Amino acid sequence: DLNLKGEHMADRLEQLDLTQINTLDNIWRAHRLRNQLVHTPGYSVNQVDAQRFLKYYEDFLKEIGVL
């Protein structure tokens, strides 16, 4: 919906303006964690951190009007 171009999520996130999206720093943190989970065998995250990072996604999606 934001019409962001790019092959990867990072390509699209780089196009967003930190001054317009309050949750951008946290969505970057969540994206980096996601990459660790997907690309690093044996990488794990505890329940408290997982819930916090899911909240980052939720807050971002609410801010951009998806939720």
C-alpha atoms as a PDB file:
ATOM      1  CA  ASP A   1       0.000   0.000   0.000  1.00  0.00           C
ATOM      2  CA  LEU A   2       2.939   2.339   0.523  1.00  0.00           C
ATOM      3  CA  ASN A   3       4.167   1.735  -3.049  1.00  0.00           C
ATOM      4  CA  LEU A   4       7.697   1.004  -1.902  1.00  0.00           C
ATOM      5  CA  LYS A   5       9.931  -0.604  -4.497  1.00  0.00           C
ATOM      6  CA  GLY A   6      12.578  -3.201  -3.802  1.00  0.00           C
ATOM      7  CA  GLU A   7      13.366  -6.856  -3.957  1.00  0.00           C
ATOM      8  CA  HIS A   8      13.840  -7.275  -0.207  1.00  0.00           C
ATOM      9  CA  MET A   9      12.155  -5.857   2.866  1.00  0.00           C
ATOM     10  CA  ALA A  10      15.305  -3.891   3.738  1.00  0.00           C
ATOM     11  CA  ASP A  11      15.154  -2.224   0.314  1.00  0.00           C
ATOM     12  CA  ARG A  12      11.641  -1.020   1.092  1.00  0.00           C
ATOM     13  CA  LEU A  13      12.355   0.020   4.687  1.00  0.00           C
ATOM     14  CA  GLU A  14      15.254   2.177   3.514  1.00  0.00           C
ATOM     15  CA  GLN A  15      12.778   4.307   1.557  1.00  0.00           C
ATOM     16  CA  LEU A  16      10.795   5.268   4.662  1.00  0.00           C
ATOM     17  CA  ASP A  17      11.471   8.548   6.439  1.00  0.00           C
ATOM     18  CA  LEU A  18      12.354   8.322  10.135  1.00  0.00           C
ATOM     19  CA  THR A  19      10.789  11.738  10.708  1.00  0.00           C
ATOM     20  CA  GLN A  20       7.437  10.471   9.400  1.00  0.00           C
ATOM     21  CA  ILE A  21       7.364   6.937  10.841  1.00  0.00           C
ATOM     22  CA  ASN A  22       7.805   6.889  14.626  1.00  0.00           C
ATOM     23  CA  THR A  23       8.176   3.105  14.765  1.00  0.00           C
ATOM     24  CA  LEU A  24      10.828   2.824  12.051  1.00  0.00           C
ATOM     25  CA  ASP A  25      13.759   2.150  14.402  1.00  0.00           C
ATOM     26  CA  ASN A  26      11.883  -0.676  16.068  1.00  0.00           C
ATOM     27  CA  ILE A  27      10.752  -2.255  12.814  1.00  0.00           C
ATOM     28  CA  TRP A  28      14.402  -2.286  11.709  1.00  0.00           C
ATOM     29  CA  ARG A  29      15.274  -4.081  14.985  1.00  0.00           C
ATOM     30  CA  ALA A  30      12.522  -6.609  14.365  1.00  0.00           C
ATOM     31  CA  HIS A  31      13.636  -7.109  10.771  1.00  0.00           C
ATOM     32  CA  ARG A  32      17.236  -7.766  11.829  1.00  0.00           C
ATOM     33  CA  LEU A  33      16.011 -10.303  14.403  1.00  0.00           C
ATOM     34  CA  ARG A  34      13.908 -11.976  11.731  1.00  0.00           C
ATOM     35  CA  ASN A  35      16.978 -12.251   9.514  1.00  0.00           C
ATOM     36  CA  GLN A  36      18.970 -13.810  12.344  1.00  0.00           C
ATOM     37  CA  LEU A  37      16.231 -16.376  12.930  1.00  0.00           C
ATOM     38  CA  VAL A  38      15.984 -17.263   9.244  1.00  0.00           C
ATOM     39  CA  HIS A  39      19.639 -17.224   8.269  1.00  0.00           C
ATOM     40  CA  THR A  40      21.523 -18.379  11.384  1.00  0.00           C
ATOM     41  CA  PRO A  41      21.122 -22.075  12.173  1.00  0.00           C
ATOM     42  CA  GLY A  42      20.363 -22.641  15.831  1.00  0.00           C
ATOM     43  CA  TYR A  43      19.603 -18.977  16.533  1.00  0.00           C
ATOM     44  CA  SER A  44      16.828 -18.639  19.081  1.00  0.00           C
ATOM     45  CA  VAL A  45      15.016 -15.922  20.960  1.00  0.00           C
ATOM     46  CA  ASN A  46      13.395 -16.103  24.380  1.00  0.00           C
ATOM     47  CA  GLN A  47       9.673 -15.588  24.865  1.00  0.00           C
ATOM     48  CA  VAL A  48       9.961 -12.096  26.357  1.00  0.00           C
ATOM     49  CA  ASP A  49      12.058 -10.825  23.445  1.00  0.00           C
ATOM     50  CA  ALA A  50       9.820 -12.556  20.903  1.00  0.00           C
ATOM     51  CA  GLN A  51       6.759 -10.832  22.339  1.00  0.00           C
ATOM     52  CA  ARG A  52       8.542  -7.473  22.317  1.00  0.00           C
ATOM     53  CA  PHE A  53       9.574  -7.857  18.683  1.00  0.00           C
ATOM     54  CA  LEU A  54       6.075  -8.950  17.655  1.00  0.00           C
ATOM     55  CA  LYS A  55       4.810  -5.785  19.341  1.00  0.00           C
ATOM     56  CA  TYR A  56       7.247  -3.789  17.182  1.00  0.00           C
ATOM     57  CA  TYR A  57       5.609  -5.257  14.082  1.00  0.00           C
ATOM     58  CA  GLU A  58       2.129  -4.591  15.448  1.00  0.00           C
ATOM     59  CA  ASP A  59       2.955  -0.979  16.328  1.00  0.00           C
ATOM     60  CA  PHE A  60       4.448  -0.373  12.870  1.00  0.00           C
ATOM     61  CA  LEU A  61       1.470  -1.907  11.076  1.00  0.00           C
ATOM     62  CA  LYS A  62      -0.902   0.204  13.162  1.00  0.00           C
ATOM     63  CA  GLU A  63       1.073   3.351  12.426  1.00  0.00           C
ATOM     64  CA  ILE A  64       0.948   2.807   8.673  1.00  0.00           C
ATOM     65  CA  GLY A  65      -2.766   1.989   8.844  1.00  0.00           C
ATOM     66  CA  VAL A  66      -2.692  -1.719   8.048  1.00  0.00           C
ATOM     67  CA  LEU A  67      -4.112  -2.764  11.432  1.00  0.00           C
END
